[in-house]
Amino acid sequence: MAVKKPSADSGKAEVEAYLARVPEPARTTLEKVRTIIRAAAPREATEAISYKIPSFQYKGALVWYAAF
């Protein structure tokens, strides 16, 4: 039985839900970091939650980011 991979849209929605739970000022900072990563990452990179934090995936894990 094949494992169904989450769609890029579901990963983006999960990341947005994560960010919505982060208190300010960390949320604004993470949104800026997300924008910078998105601009620098390959176009095919997708967003996901990995290890319970936001990440970008491209041929495997590309980068994780979070606030603690």
N, C-alpha and C. Protein backbone atom coordinates (compact mmCIF):
# COMPACT_ATOMS: atom_id res chain seq x y z
N MET A 1 0.84 -1.18 0.00
CA MET A 1 0.00 0.00 0.00
C MET A 1 0.89 1.24 0.00
N ALA A 2 0.67 2.14 -0.92
CA ALA A 2 1.47 3.36 -1.04
C ALA A 2 1.04 4.37 0.01
N VAL A 3 2.02 5.09 0.54
CA VAL A 3 1.75 6.15 1.50
C VAL A 3 1.43 7.42 0.73
N LYS A 4 0.31 8.04 1.06
CA LYS A 4 -0.11 9.26 0.37
C LYS A 4 0.64 10.45 0.95
N LYS A 5 1.35 11.19 0.09
CA LYS A 5 2.06 12.38 0.51
C LYS A 5 1.08 13.53 0.64
N PRO A 6 1.25 14.37 1.68
CA PRO A 6 0.38 15.54 1.78
C PRO A 6 0.61 16.49 0.61
N SER A 7 -0.44 17.17 0.20
CA SER A 7 -0.31 18.11 -0.90
C SER A 7 0.42 19.36 -0.44
N ALA A 8 0.94 20.11 -1.40
CA ALA A 8 1.64 21.36 -1.09
C ALA A 8 0.70 22.34 -0.39
N ASP A 9 -0.58 22.34 -0.81
CA ASP A 9 -1.55 23.24 -0.20
C ASP A 9 -1.82 22.87 1.26
N SER A 10 -1.87 21.57 1.57
CA SER A 10 -2.11 21.18 2.96
C SER A 10 -0.92 21.54 3.83
N GLY A 11 0.29 21.42 3.29
CA GLY A 11 1.49 21.80 4.04
C GLY A 11 1.50 23.29 4.34
N LYS A 12 1.13 24.07 3.34
CA LYS A 12 1.07 25.53 3.53
C LYS A 12 0.04 25.89 4.59
N ALA A 13 -1.12 25.22 4.56
CA ALA A 13 -2.17 25.49 5.54
C ALA A 13 -1.71 25.10 6.95
N GLU A 14 -0.98 23.99 7.07
CA GLU A 14 -0.46 23.57 8.37
C GLU A 14 0.54 24.59 8.91
N VAL A 15 1.40 25.11 8.04
CA VAL A 15 2.37 26.12 8.46
C VAL A 15 1.65 27.39 8.89
N GLU A 16 0.65 27.80 8.14
CA GLU A 16 -0.11 29.01 8.52
C GLU A 16 -0.81 28.82 9.86
N ALA A 17 -1.33 27.63 10.13
CA ALA A 17 -1.96 27.35 11.43
C ALA A 17 -0.93 27.41 12.55
N TYR A 18 0.28 26.88 12.29
CA TYR A 18 1.36 26.95 13.28
C TYR A 18 1.68 28.41 13.59
N LEU A 19 1.87 29.21 12.54
CA LEU A 19 2.24 30.61 12.73
C LEU A 19 1.15 31.38 13.46
N ALA A 20 -0.10 31.04 13.22
CA ALA A 20 -1.21 31.73 13.89
C ALA A 20 -1.17 31.52 15.40
N ARG A 21 -0.58 30.41 15.85
CA ARG A 21 -0.49 30.13 17.28
C ARG A 21 0.72 30.77 17.96
N VAL A 22 1.65 31.30 17.18
CA VAL A 22 2.86 31.90 17.74
C VAL A 22 2.54 33.33 18.19
N PRO A 23 2.89 33.68 19.43
CA PRO A 23 2.60 35.04 19.90
C PRO A 23 3.53 36.07 19.26
N GLU A 24 3.07 37.29 19.23
CA GLU A 24 3.91 38.40 18.76
C GLU A 24 4.96 38.70 19.81
N PRO A 25 6.10 39.21 19.48
CA PRO A 25 6.57 39.62 18.15
C PRO A 25 7.18 38.49 17.33
N ALA A 26 7.23 37.28 17.90
CA ALA A 26 7.86 36.16 17.20
C ALA A 26 7.13 35.83 15.89
N ARG A 27 5.79 35.96 15.86
CA ARG A 27 5.05 35.62 14.65
C ARG A 27 5.50 36.47 13.47
N THR A 28 5.61 37.78 13.68
CA THR A 28 6.03 38.67 12.60
C THR A 28 7.44 38.32 12.12
N THR A 29 8.31 38.00 13.05
CA THR A 29 9.67 37.61 12.70
C THR A 29 9.68 36.34 11.87
N LEU A 30 8.91 35.33 12.30
CA LEU A 30 8.85 34.07 11.54
C LEU A 30 8.24 34.26 10.16
N GLU A 31 7.26 35.15 10.04
CA GLU A 31 6.68 35.42 8.72
C GLU A 31 7.71 36.07 7.80
N LYS A 32 8.56 36.92 8.35
CA LYS A 32 9.65 37.51 7.54
C LYS A 32 10.64 36.45 7.13
N VAL A 33 11.01 35.57 8.06
CA VAL A 33 11.94 34.47 7.76
C VAL A 33 11.34 33.58 6.67
N ARG A 34 10.06 33.27 6.78
CA ARG A 34 9.37 32.44 5.79
C ARG A 34 9.43 33.07 4.41
N THR A 35 9.21 34.37 4.33
CA THR A 35 9.25 35.08 3.06
C THR A 35 10.65 35.03 2.45
N ILE A 36 11.67 35.20 3.26
CA ILE A 36 13.06 35.16 2.78
C ILE A 36 13.40 33.76 2.28
N ILE A 37 13.02 32.74 3.05
CA ILE A 37 13.30 31.36 2.62
C ILE A 37 12.59 31.07 1.30
N ARG A 38 11.31 31.45 1.21
CA ARG A 38 10.54 31.19 0.00
C ARG A 38 11.21 31.84 -1.22
N ALA A 39 11.74 33.05 -1.05
CA ALA A 39 12.39 33.75 -2.16
C ALA A 39 13.69 33.08 -2.57
N ALA A 40 14.40 32.49 -1.62
CA ALA A 40 15.69 31.89 -1.90
C ALA A 40 15.60 30.41 -2.30
N ALA A 41 14.54 29.74 -1.91
CA ALA A 41 14.39 28.30 -2.17
C ALA A 41 14.05 28.04 -3.64
N PRO A 42 14.36 26.86 -4.11
CA PRO A 42 13.94 26.50 -5.47
C PRO A 42 12.42 26.59 -5.60
N ARG A 43 11.96 26.91 -6.77
CA ARG A 43 10.53 27.07 -7.02
C ARG A 43 9.73 25.82 -6.65
N GLU A 44 10.34 24.64 -6.79
CA GLU A 44 9.65 23.38 -6.51
C GLU A 44 9.57 23.05 -5.02
N ALA A 45 10.23 23.83 -4.17
CA ALA A 45 10.20 23.56 -2.73
C ALA A 45 8.78 23.70 -2.19
N THR A 46 8.44 22.83 -1.25
CA THR A 46 7.12 22.87 -0.64
C THR A 46 7.25 23.11 0.87
N GLU A 47 6.17 23.59 1.46
CA GLU A 47 6.15 23.82 2.90
C GLU A 47 5.50 22.63 3.58
N ALA A 48 5.96 22.37 4.79
CA ALA A 48 5.41 21.26 5.57
C ALA A 48 5.69 21.50 7.04
N ILE A 49 5.02 20.73 7.87
CA ILE A 49 5.37 20.67 9.28
C ILE A 49 6.20 19.39 9.44
N SER A 50 7.39 19.54 9.98
CA SER A 50 8.30 18.43 10.20
C SER A 50 8.91 18.60 11.59
N TYR A 51 8.93 17.54 12.37
CA TYR A 51 9.38 17.64 13.75
C TYR A 51 8.58 18.69 14.53
N LYS A 52 7.30 18.84 14.14
CA LYS A 52 6.34 19.74 14.77
C LYS A 52 6.66 21.22 14.57
N ILE A 53 7.53 21.53 13.60
CA ILE A 53 7.84 22.93 13.28
C ILE A 53 7.79 23.13 11.76
N PRO A 54 7.64 24.39 11.31
CA PRO A 54 7.59 24.65 9.87
C PRO A 54 8.90 24.30 9.17
N SER A 55 8.76 23.84 7.95
CA SER A 55 9.95 23.51 7.16
C SER A 55 9.66 23.73 5.69
N PHE A 56 10.73 23.80 4.93
CA PHE A 56 10.64 23.76 3.48
C PHE A 56 11.32 22.47 3.05
N GLN A 57 10.68 21.79 2.12
CA GLN A 57 11.17 20.51 1.63
C GLN A 57 11.52 20.64 0.15
N TYR A 58 12.68 20.11 -0.22
CA TYR A 58 13.08 20.06 -1.62
C TYR A 58 14.05 18.90 -1.75
N LYS A 59 13.60 17.83 -2.34
CA LYS A 59 14.41 16.61 -2.42
C LYS A 59 14.86 16.21 -1.02
N GLY A 60 13.95 16.31 -0.08
CA GLY A 60 14.24 16.06 1.33
C GLY A 60 14.15 17.39 2.08
N ALA A 61 14.58 17.38 3.31
CA ALA A 61 14.51 18.58 4.13
C ALA A 61 15.47 19.65 3.60
N LEU A 62 14.96 20.85 3.47
CA LEU A 62 15.78 21.98 3.03
C LEU A 62 16.15 22.86 4.22
N VAL A 63 15.11 23.28 4.98
CA VAL A 63 15.37 24.13 6.14
C VAL A 63 14.15 24.07 7.07
N TRP A 64 14.42 24.17 8.37
CA TRP A 64 13.38 24.29 9.38
C TRP A 64 13.53 25.65 10.03
N TYR A 65 12.44 26.17 10.59
CA TYR A 65 12.50 27.42 11.34
C TYR A 65 11.42 27.40 12.40
N ALA A 66 11.68 28.05 13.53
CA ALA A 66 10.69 28.03 14.63
C ALA A 66 11.08 29.09 15.67
N ALA A 67 10.15 29.34 16.55
CA ALA A 67 10.40 30.23 17.69
C ALA A 67 10.20 29.42 18.96
N PHE A 68 11.08 29.62 19.93
CA PHE A 68 10.98 28.91 21.20
C PHE A 68 11.08 29.91 22.34
